[in-house]
Amino acid sequence: MPYFDSASAAPLHPVARQALQAALDEGWADPARLYREGRRARLLLDAAREAAAEAVGCRADELVFTPSGTHAVHTGVAGVLAGRRRVGSHLVVSAVEHSSVLHAAEVHEARGGTVTEVPVDRWGAVTPTAYADALTPETALACLQSANHEVGTVQPVAEVAEVCGAAGVPLLVDAAQSLGWGPVEGAWSVLAASAHKWGGPPGVGLLAVRKGVRFSPQGPADERESGRSPGFTNLPAIVAAAASLRAVRAEAEGEAARLRVLVDRIRRRVVRLVPDVEVVGDPERRLPHLVTFSCLYVDGETLLHELDRAGFSVSSGSSCTSSTLTPSHVLRAMGVLSEGNVRVSLPPGTPAEEVNAFLEVLPRAVADVRERLGVSEPPAVAPVADSLELDALGLRCPQPVIELARAIVTVPVGGTVTVVSDDEVARLDIPAWCAMRGHTYVGETPREVGSAYTVRRAV
């Protein structure tokens, strides 16, 4: 069964499996002890730290291992904010950061700090100018992911780091999605990553803090991992994580070129094979293995189940797959279509035959979901009114947009259709539908229940 969700968790690399087994036999003792077994464990830990630091591009004494990438992010954010509290309590993040960064920002704000979210363009990228504008004399820390986990867009980290450096502000980089493909360029200050993203075992993160960055570990003191990650280390998993990182890096150049060809194939063909599809994310400055697209008039959860039944494991940022019924914060920040969203992230070694098979299955799966929802090409009709209001209260994604598509042909060119909806996703998907179909989005008006979204027919 093809697994196309390596952005969530990559399959365990064979080298990681071998290293894990060997370390379970040799690295079970406490590396802080001076007897034979402890010294052997310490040698394994030091070797793993050296290998990981080399891959990151930092000194070994700047890197510690943590129980997860999320733990590394939370520790990094809290530690720098506390270390620089005399400077101020202002934190800058991008609007498309991983939830671990945004949750850390929420906690900081709840404790009295201030947070500025830097917007992104329609491709999901920030600009160095926007970061420069967000920085103030009270800014203690700025955060920027190296590449987006949902759409694959690579961020201008080196340029933003230069801007932050000129202002004397440290930059924390969440490198979870990109570290397996290569080091993060630029003069970043703090870096976090997670082993299960590159084919290492879950439960291992890493945190690198450059010398000279003011950092104050939070929580009770602990003598392990420079006091930045308390508790007994999972040494076998750490050894496996470092070994797999070195292995995937050795394969990265060739595998990136091969997977980029396959992803380009998906990007080209999906818009030809499936009507009303929007491919999102930067087409050039992106991760080599990841592509995301959204399908109009499709229930995302049903589509994922259809693809799963056909043998393909994919992910989605669609609100229709979420218990909160709100779209991914990434898609929302980009202002792109969220309904029927599919993220394909190919693990290393994915054969071309599996991608071709996916492209054969996808059109039928989308058509089946649309058929169940009663979607069909609206017939040409004589306009019945210059304006029309639709009551879509209680309807959930993608039904408000489906009703809009049916109604737009019943007004003349220049006429308007107003959709009244209490579905939070309509705020994003109706403007995106207008952009895809060539109509004019007039705007949103709050109502006592829900909001009214007005569209002007342009074609």
Protein backbone atom coordinates (compact mmCIF):
# COMPACT_ATOMS: atom_id res chain seq x y z
CA MET A 1 0.00 0.00 0.00
CA PRO A 2 1.67 3.27 -1.09
CA TYR A 3 2.36 5.58 1.85
CA PHE A 4 2.36 9.23 0.73
CA ASP A 5 2.48 11.08 4.08
CA SER A 6 6.17 11.31 4.95
CA ALA A 7 5.72 14.98 5.92
CA SER A 8 3.88 13.66 8.99
CA ALA A 9 6.24 10.78 9.69
CA ALA A 10 8.74 9.13 7.38
CA PRO A 11 9.13 5.34 7.42
CA LEU A 12 12.02 4.14 9.57
CA HIS A 13 15.23 4.20 7.53
CA PRO A 14 17.04 0.82 7.32
CA VAL A 15 20.14 2.39 8.84
CA ALA A 16 18.05 3.64 11.78
CA ARG A 17 16.70 0.15 12.35
CA GLN A 18 20.20 -1.36 12.39
CA ALA A 19 21.62 1.37 14.64
CA LEU A 20 18.67 1.08 17.03
CA GLN A 21 19.16 -2.65 17.47
CA ALA A 22 22.90 -2.28 18.03
CA ALA A 23 22.42 0.58 20.51
CA LEU A 24 19.83 -1.40 22.46
CA ASP A 25 22.56 -3.98 23.07
CA GLU A 26 25.37 -1.51 23.79
CA GLY A 27 23.77 1.74 24.95
CA TRP A 28 21.37 0.83 27.72
CA ALA A 29 23.52 2.10 30.63
CA ASP A 30 23.62 5.58 32.15
CA PRO A 31 26.11 7.69 30.13
CA ALA A 32 26.77 9.82 33.22
CA ARG A 33 28.35 6.90 35.08
CA LEU A 34 32.09 6.14 35.15
CA TYR A 35 32.00 2.33 35.03
CA ARG A 36 32.58 0.37 31.82
CA GLU A 37 28.98 0.22 30.61
CA GLY A 38 28.45 3.92 31.36
CA ARG A 39 31.62 4.92 29.48
CA ARG A 40 30.48 2.87 26.48
CA ALA A 41 27.10 4.59 26.54
CA ARG A 42 28.80 7.99 26.82
CA LEU A 43 30.89 7.26 23.74
CA LEU A 44 27.74 6.43 21.78
CA LEU A 45 26.02 9.62 22.94
CA ASP A 46 29.03 11.79 22.08
CA ALA A 47 29.33 10.20 18.64
CA ALA A 48 25.63 10.76 17.96
CA ARG A 49 25.92 14.40 19.05
CA GLU A 50 28.94 14.96 16.78
CA ALA A 51 27.12 13.42 13.80
CA ALA A 52 23.96 15.45 14.39
CA ALA A 53 25.91 18.68 14.90
CA GLU A 54 27.78 18.12 11.65
CA ALA A 55 24.48 17.69 9.79
CA VAL A 56 22.99 20.78 11.43
CA GLY A 57 26.10 22.89 10.90
CA CYS A 58 26.82 23.77 14.51
CA ARG A 59 29.24 22.82 17.26
CA ALA A 60 28.58 19.65 19.21
CA ASP A 61 28.40 21.57 22.49
CA GLU A 62 25.64 23.76 20.99
CA LEU A 63 23.29 20.81 20.38
CA VAL A 64 21.13 18.84 22.78
CA PHE A 65 18.68 16.00 22.22
CA THR A 66 15.05 16.36 23.33
CA PRO A 67 12.06 13.98 23.61
CA SER A 68 10.49 15.41 20.40
CA GLY A 69 10.65 18.21 17.86
CA THR A 70 7.73 19.92 19.60
CA HIS A 71 9.60 19.77 22.89
CA ALA A 72 12.62 21.31 21.15
CA VAL A 73 10.53 24.17 19.77
CA HIS A 74 8.82 24.88 23.09
CA THR A 75 12.14 24.73 24.95
CA GLY A 76 13.85 26.96 22.41
CA VAL A 77 11.13 29.61 22.37
CA ALA A 78 10.73 29.71 26.16
CA GLY A 79 14.48 29.65 26.81
CA VAL A 80 15.32 32.56 24.51
CA LEU A 81 12.36 34.67 25.64
CA ALA A 82 13.39 34.16 29.26
CA GLY A 83 17.06 34.81 28.51
CA ARG A 84 16.25 38.07 26.75
CA ARG A 85 13.43 39.31 28.99
CA ARG A 86 15.39 42.48 29.80
CA VAL A 87 15.28 43.39 26.10
CA GLY A 88 11.50 43.03 25.93
CA SER A 89 8.68 40.55 25.56
CA HIS A 90 7.87 40.91 21.86
CA LEU A 91 7.83 37.74 19.74
CA VAL A 92 7.63 37.63 15.93
CA VAL A 93 6.39 34.54 14.06
CA SER A 94 5.16 33.84 10.55
CA ALA A 95 1.48 33.11 10.00
CA VAL A 96 2.28 29.64 8.62
CA GLU A 97 4.51 28.29 11.38
CA HIS A 98 3.98 24.77 12.68
CA SER A 99 1.39 24.59 15.44
CA SER A 100 4.16 23.94 18.00
CA VAL A 101 5.52 27.46 17.39
CA LEU A 102 2.07 29.07 17.35
CA HIS A 103 1.06 27.31 20.57
CA ALA A 104 4.25 28.53 22.24
CA ALA A 105 3.36 32.04 21.02
CA GLU A 106 -0.14 31.71 22.52
CA VAL A 107 1.31 30.78 25.91
CA HIS A 108 3.72 33.72 25.73
CA GLU A 109 0.86 36.09 24.91
CA ALA A 110 -1.29 34.68 27.72
CA ARG A 111 1.53 35.49 30.13
CA GLY A 112 1.57 39.13 29.07
CA GLY A 113 3.93 39.07 26.11
CA THR A 114 3.14 40.47 22.67
CA VAL A 115 3.16 38.57 19.40
CA THR A 116 3.28 39.78 15.79
CA GLU A 117 2.32 37.39 12.97
CA VAL A 118 4.07 38.11 9.69
CA PRO A 119 1.74 37.51 6.72
CA VAL A 120 2.59 35.39 3.71
CA ASP A 121 1.86 35.67 -0.01
CA ARG A 122 -0.40 33.33 -1.97
CA TRP A 123 2.50 30.85 -2.29
CA GLY A 124 2.95 30.70 1.49
CA ALA A 125 6.23 32.66 1.63
CA VAL A 126 7.24 35.56 3.84
CA THR A 127 9.44 38.46 2.77
CA PRO A 128 12.49 39.76 4.64
CA THR A 129 10.97 43.23 4.43
CA ALA A 130 7.89 42.06 6.33
CA TYR A 131 10.11 40.69 9.09
CA ALA A 132 12.10 43.93 9.20
CA ASP A 133 8.85 45.86 9.60
CA ALA A 134 7.70 43.56 12.42
CA LEU A 135 10.84 43.93 14.54
CA THR A 136 10.89 46.51 17.33
CA PRO A 137 13.45 47.50 19.98
CA GLU A 138 11.51 45.24 22.38
CA THR A 139 11.65 42.15 20.14
CA ALA A 140 13.22 39.28 22.08
CA LEU A 141 12.91 36.55 19.43
CA ALA A 142 11.79 35.91 15.86
CA CYS A 143 10.75 32.50 14.50
CA LEU A 144 10.66 31.23 10.92
CA GLN A 145 10.28 27.70 9.58
CA SER A 146 12.79 26.56 6.98
CA ALA A 147 10.05 25.01 4.82
CA ASN A 148 6.32 24.67 5.22
CA HIS A 149 4.96 21.35 6.43
CA GLU A 150 1.70 21.59 4.46
CA VAL A 151 2.54 23.12 1.09
CA GLY A 152 6.32 22.65 0.86
CA THR A 153 7.25 26.30 0.27
CA VAL A 154 10.86 27.01 1.28
CA GLN A 155 11.27 30.22 3.26
CA PRO A 156 14.04 32.85 2.78
CA VAL A 157 15.72 31.96 6.07
CA ALA A 158 19.16 33.34 5.23
CA GLU A 159 17.73 36.72 4.22
CA VAL A 160 15.47 36.93 7.28
CA ALA A 161 18.38 35.90 9.53
CA GLU A 162 20.39 38.77 8.07
CA VAL A 163 17.57 41.21 8.84
CA CYS A 164 17.23 39.86 12.38
CA GLY A 165 20.98 39.92 12.92
CA ALA A 166 21.18 43.58 11.89
CA ALA A 167 18.51 44.32 14.52
CA GLY A 168 20.22 42.22 17.18
CA VAL A 169 17.33 39.76 17.34
CA PRO A 170 17.96 35.98 17.44
CA LEU A 171 16.13 33.85 14.87
CA LEU A 172 14.72 30.44 15.80
CA VAL A 173 14.26 28.10 12.83
CA ASP A 174 11.94 25.10 12.84
CA ALA A 175 13.83 22.86 10.42
CA ALA A 176 11.76 19.71 10.92
CA GLN A 177 10.65 19.40 7.29
CA SER A 178 13.92 20.30 5.60
CA LEU A 179 16.83 19.06 7.71
CA GLY A 180 16.90 15.64 6.05
CA TRP A 181 17.41 17.36 2.67
CA GLY A 182 20.27 19.61 3.72
CA PRO A 183 21.54 22.16 6.26
CA VAL A 184 19.69 25.40 6.88
CA GLU A 185 21.58 28.27 5.31
CA GLY A 186 22.15 31.61 7.00
CA ALA A 187 23.13 32.95 10.40
CA TRP A 188 20.26 31.48 12.40
CA SER A 189 20.54 31.51 16.20
CA VAL A 190 18.42 28.55 17.36
CA LEU A 191 17.28 25.49 15.41
CA ALA A 192 14.83 22.70 16.21
CA ALA A 193 14.09 19.47 14.36
CA SER A 194 12.48 16.05 14.80
CA ALA A 195 13.95 12.65 13.88
CA HIS A 196 10.72 11.01 12.70
CA LYS A 197 10.57 13.52 9.82
CA TRP A 198 13.78 12.16 8.24
CA GLY A 199 13.33 8.45 8.90
CA GLY A 200 14.64 8.26 12.43
CA PRO A 201 12.65 6.82 15.33
CA PRO A 202 9.88 8.91 16.91
CA GLY A 203 10.55 10.47 20.28
CA VAL A 204 13.82 12.21 19.39
CA GLY A 205 14.18 15.92 18.71
CA LEU A 206 17.20 18.15 18.60
CA LEU A 207 17.76 21.72 19.70
CA ALA A 208 20.78 23.77 18.68
CA VAL A 209 21.51 27.09 20.40
CA ARG A 210 24.44 29.09 19.04
CA LYS A 211 27.06 30.36 21.44
CA GLY A 212 26.32 33.93 22.44
CA VAL A 213 22.54 33.57 22.38
CA ARG A 214 21.09 34.46 25.77
CA PHE A 215 19.22 31.36 26.87
CA SER A 216 17.62 30.55 30.21
CA PRO A 217 16.24 27.00 30.55
CA GLN A 218 12.78 26.94 32.11
CA GLY A 219 11.55 24.46 34.69
CA PRO A 220 13.45 22.63 37.42
CA ALA A 221 17.20 22.34 36.95
CA ASP A 222 18.63 19.11 35.52
CA GLU A 223 22.25 18.23 34.91
CA ARG A 224 21.61 16.33 31.66
CA GLU A 225 21.80 17.82 28.15
CA SER A 226 23.23 21.14 29.39
CA GLY A 227 20.15 21.58 31.55
CA ARG A 228 17.99 22.15 28.48
CA SER A 229 16.29 18.78 28.23
CA PRO A 230 15.71 17.10 31.59
CA GLY A 231 15.46 13.39 32.17
CA PHE A 232 17.25 10.20 31.20
CA THR A 233 18.01 10.23 27.46
CA ASN A 234 16.66 7.54 25.14
CA LEU A 235 20.16 6.71 23.96
CA PRO A 236 19.30 3.90 21.51
CA ALA A 237 16.78 6.15 19.73
CA ILE A 238 19.25 9.05 19.70
CA VAL A 239 21.94 6.85 18.12
CA ALA A 240 19.44 5.67 15.50
CA ALA A 241 18.32 9.24 14.81
CA ALA A 242 21.86 10.48 14.23
CA ALA A 243 22.76 7.48 12.07
CA SER A 244 19.67 7.89 9.90
CA LEU A 245 20.25 11.63 9.50
CA ARG A 246 23.73 10.97 8.21
CA ALA A 247 22.37 8.26 5.89
CA VAL A 248 19.56 10.35 4.39
CA ARG A 249 21.93 13.26 3.88
CA ALA A 250 24.27 11.01 1.89
CA GLU A 251 21.34 10.07 -0.36
CA ALA A 252 19.64 13.48 -0.40
CA GLU A 253 20.97 15.01 -3.62
CA GLY A 254 20.10 12.08 -5.86
CA GLU A 255 16.82 11.30 -4.14
CA ALA A 256 15.71 14.95 -4.20
CA ALA A 257 16.28 15.12 -7.96
CA ARG A 258 14.34 11.88 -8.52
CA LEU A 259 11.39 12.82 -6.30
CA ARG A 260 11.19 16.33 -7.75
CA VAL A 261 10.51 14.76 -11.16
CA LEU A 262 7.66 12.71 -9.67
CA VAL A 263 6.19 15.68 -7.81
CA ASP A 264 6.39 17.79 -10.98
CA ARG A 265 4.45 15.03 -12.72
CA ILE A 266 1.69 15.26 -10.10
CA ARG A 267 1.63 19.06 -10.28
CA ARG A 268 1.24 19.00 -14.08
CA ARG A 269 -1.18 16.15 -14.47
CA VAL A 270 -3.57 16.71 -11.60
CA VAL A 271 -4.88 19.94 -13.14
CA ARG A 272 -5.38 18.18 -16.48
CA LEU A 273 -6.96 15.03 -15.08
CA VAL A 274 -9.27 16.58 -12.49
CA PRO A 275 -11.50 19.62 -13.23
CA ASP A 276 -11.52 22.56 -10.84
CA VAL A 277 -8.29 21.86 -8.97
CA GLU A 278 -5.87 24.40 -7.50
CA VAL A 279 -2.26 23.37 -6.83
CA VAL A 280 -0.95 25.43 -3.90
CA GLY A 281 2.53 26.33 -2.71
CA ASP A 282 5.50 27.79 -4.55
CA PRO A 283 6.06 25.91 -7.85
CA GLU A 284 9.85 26.39 -7.75
CA ARG A 285 11.11 27.27 -4.27
CA ARG A 286 9.79 24.18 -2.52
CA LEU A 287 10.67 20.86 -0.94
CA PRO A 288 11.36 18.15 -3.53
CA HIS A 289 8.96 15.52 -2.21
CA LEU A 290 5.77 17.42 -1.35
CA VAL A 291 2.79 18.72 -3.34
CA THR A 292 -0.59 19.99 -2.15
CA PHE A 293 -3.73 20.63 -4.17
CA SER A 294 -7.38 21.46 -3.42
CA CYS A 295 -10.43 20.20 -5.29
CA LEU A 296 -13.57 22.28 -5.61
CA TYR A 297 -16.91 20.78 -4.55
CA VAL A 298 -15.28 17.96 -2.57
CA ASP A 299 -15.62 16.83 1.03
CA GLY A 300 -12.00 16.39 2.10
CA GLU A 301 -12.64 13.64 4.64
CA THR A 302 -14.62 11.56 2.15
CA LEU A 303 -11.93 12.02 -0.50
CA LEU A 304 -9.20 10.84 1.88
CA HIS A 305 -11.28 7.77 2.74
CA GLU A 306 -11.78 7.06 -0.97
CA LEU A 307 -8.05 7.26 -1.61
CA ASP A 308 -7.37 5.11 1.44
CA ARG A 309 -9.74 2.44 0.12
CA ALA A 310 -7.88 2.61 -3.17
CA GLY A 311 -4.63 1.93 -1.31
CA PHE A 312 -3.11 5.41 -0.96
CA SER A 313 -2.30 7.08 2.36
CA VAL A 314 -2.34 10.87 2.01
CA SER A 315 -2.95 13.82 4.30
CA SER A 316 -5.07 16.97 4.15
CA GLY A 317 -5.36 20.51 5.47
CA SER A 318 -9.04 20.63 4.61
CA SER A 319 -11.49 21.70 7.27
CA CYS A 320 -13.65 18.77 6.22
CA THR A 321 -11.13 16.41 7.82
CA SER A 322 -10.95 18.37 11.07
CA SER A 323 -13.06 18.04 14.18
CA THR A 324 -12.95 21.83 14.53
CA LEU A 325 -14.47 22.36 11.06
CA THR A 326 -11.96 25.17 10.43
CA PRO A 327 -9.41 25.09 7.63
CA SER A 328 -5.69 24.69 8.13
CA HIS A 329 -4.15 27.92 9.43
CA VAL A 330 -1.60 27.63 6.62
CA LEU A 331 -4.20 27.56 3.84
CA ARG A 332 -6.14 30.30 5.58
CA ALA A 333 -3.07 32.55 5.80
CA MET A 334 -2.34 31.94 2.11
CA GLY A 335 -5.92 32.74 1.12
CA VAL A 336 -6.24 29.65 -1.07
CA LEU A 337 -8.97 27.07 -1.51
CA SER A 338 -9.16 24.65 1.42
CA GLU A 339 -11.98 22.27 0.49
CA GLY A 340 -10.95 18.90 -0.88
CA ASN A 341 -7.33 19.53 0.09
CA VAL A 342 -4.84 16.69 -0.49
CA ARG A 343 -1.20 16.69 0.59
CA VAL A 344 1.09 14.16 -1.07
CA SER A 345 4.55 13.79 0.50
CA LEU A 346 6.63 11.02 -1.04
CA PRO A 347 9.04 9.07 1.18
CA PRO A 348 12.51 8.31 -0.20
CA GLY A 349 12.48 5.33 -2.50
CA THR A 350 8.95 5.91 -3.83
CA PRO A 351 8.82 4.26 -7.28
CA ALA A 352 7.38 6.08 -10.28
CA GLU A 353 4.84 3.28 -10.72
CA GLU A 354 3.13 4.20 -7.44
CA VAL A 355 2.81 7.84 -8.49
CA ASN A 356 1.38 6.81 -11.85
CA ALA A 357 -1.11 4.54 -10.11
CA PHE A 358 -2.17 7.41 -7.82
CA LEU A 359 -2.81 9.64 -10.83
CA GLU A 360 -5.00 6.92 -12.34
CA VAL A 361 -7.07 6.53 -9.17
CA LEU A 362 -7.46 10.21 -8.23
CA PRO A 363 -9.84 11.42 -11.01
CA ARG A 364 -12.35 8.66 -10.32
CA ALA A 365 -12.15 9.21 -6.56
CA VAL A 366 -12.86 12.94 -6.93
CA ALA A 367 -15.67 12.29 -9.43
CA ASP A 368 -17.28 9.77 -7.08
CA VAL A 369 -17.24 12.22 -4.16
CA ARG A 370 -18.70 14.99 -6.30
CA GLU A 371 -21.40 12.67 -7.59
CA ARG A 372 -22.43 11.79 -4.04
CA LEU A 373 -22.68 15.48 -3.22
CA GLY A 374 -24.90 16.06 -6.25
CA VAL A 375 -22.37 18.20 -8.10
CA SER A 376 -22.97 18.63 -11.82
CA GLU A 377 -22.33 21.26 -14.44
CA PRO A 378 -25.14 23.80 -14.01
CA PRO A 379 -27.31 24.06 -17.13
CA ALA A 380 -27.51 27.33 -19.03
CA VAL A 381 -30.66 29.13 -17.92
CA ALA A 382 -32.25 32.49 -18.52
CA PRO A 383 -31.47 34.87 -15.65
CA VAL A 384 -34.37 35.03 -13.20
CA ALA A 385 -33.25 38.01 -11.09
CA ASP A 386 -30.52 40.65 -10.85
CA SER A 387 -29.69 39.53 -7.33
CA LEU A 388 -30.26 36.44 -5.26
CA GLU A 389 -29.72 35.51 -1.59
CA LEU A 390 -29.04 31.91 -0.58
CA ASP A 391 -29.70 30.57 2.91
CA ALA A 392 -26.81 28.18 3.53
CA LEU A 393 -27.03 28.25 7.31
CA GLY A 394 -26.25 24.85 8.78
CA LEU A 395 -24.54 23.63 5.61
CA ARG A 396 -20.92 22.60 5.93
CA CYS A 397 -17.98 22.63 3.53
CA PRO A 398 -18.22 22.19 0.57
CA GLN A 399 -22.02 22.67 0.34
CA PRO A 400 -22.11 26.51 0.53
CA VAL A 401 -19.80 26.73 -2.49
CA ILE A 402 -21.78 24.06 -4.35
CA GLU A 403 -24.99 26.05 -3.79
CA LEU A 404 -23.23 29.21 -4.98
CA ALA A 405 -22.07 27.49 -8.17
CA ARG A 406 -25.63 26.36 -8.90
CA ALA A 407 -27.06 29.82 -8.28
CA ILE A 408 -24.56 32.02 -10.12
CA VAL A 409 -25.94 31.04 -13.54
CA THR A 410 -29.41 32.24 -12.56
CA VAL A 411 -28.35 35.89 -12.39
CA PRO A 412 -27.14 37.97 -15.35
CA VAL A 413 -23.54 39.07 -15.83
CA GLY A 414 -23.13 41.89 -13.34
CA GLY A 415 -25.77 40.43 -11.04
CA THR A 416 -24.99 39.28 -7.52
CA VAL A 417 -25.47 36.19 -5.40
CA THR A 418 -25.26 36.51 -1.63
CA VAL A 419 -24.57 33.39 0.39
CA VAL A 420 -25.55 33.49 4.07
CA SER A 421 -23.46 30.91 5.90
CA ASP A 422 -22.36 30.07 9.44
CA ASP A 423 -19.59 27.80 8.16
CA GLU A 424 -16.24 29.35 9.09
CA VAL A 425 -14.66 27.88 5.97
CA ALA A 426 -16.91 29.92 3.67
CA ARG A 427 -14.87 32.99 4.56
CA LEU A 428 -11.90 31.38 2.81
CA ASP A 429 -13.44 29.19 0.12
CA ILE A 430 -15.94 31.61 -1.44
CA PRO A 431 -13.25 34.18 -2.36
CA ALA A 432 -11.02 31.33 -3.58
CA TRP A 433 -13.88 29.98 -5.71
CA CYS A 434 -14.36 33.44 -7.25
CA ALA A 435 -10.67 33.62 -8.16
CA MET A 436 -10.81 30.17 -9.77
CA ARG A 437 -14.05 30.77 -11.70
CA GLY A 438 -13.41 34.37 -12.76
CA HIS A 439 -16.13 36.04 -10.70
CA THR A 440 -15.80 39.11 -8.46
CA TYR A 441 -15.85 38.72 -4.70
CA VAL A 442 -17.65 41.80 -3.36
CA GLY A 443 -17.14 41.15 0.34
CA GLU A 444 -18.49 39.88 3.64
CA THR A 445 -21.19 41.39 5.86
CA PRO A 446 -21.71 40.05 9.41
CA ARG A 447 -25.23 38.90 10.22
CA GLU A 448 -26.87 38.06 13.53
CA VAL A 449 -26.19 34.44 12.66
CA GLY A 450 -23.24 33.81 10.37
CA SER A 451 -22.12 36.16 7.61
CA ALA A 452 -23.33 37.17 4.16
CA TYR A 453 -20.81 36.70 1.32
CA THR A 454 -21.62 38.56 -1.88
CA VAL A 455 -20.36 37.54 -5.33
CA ARG A 456 -20.81 39.43 -8.60
CA ARG A 457 -21.12 37.35 -11.76
CA ALA A 458 -18.40 38.37 -14.20
CA VAL A 459 -18.65 35.75 -16.96
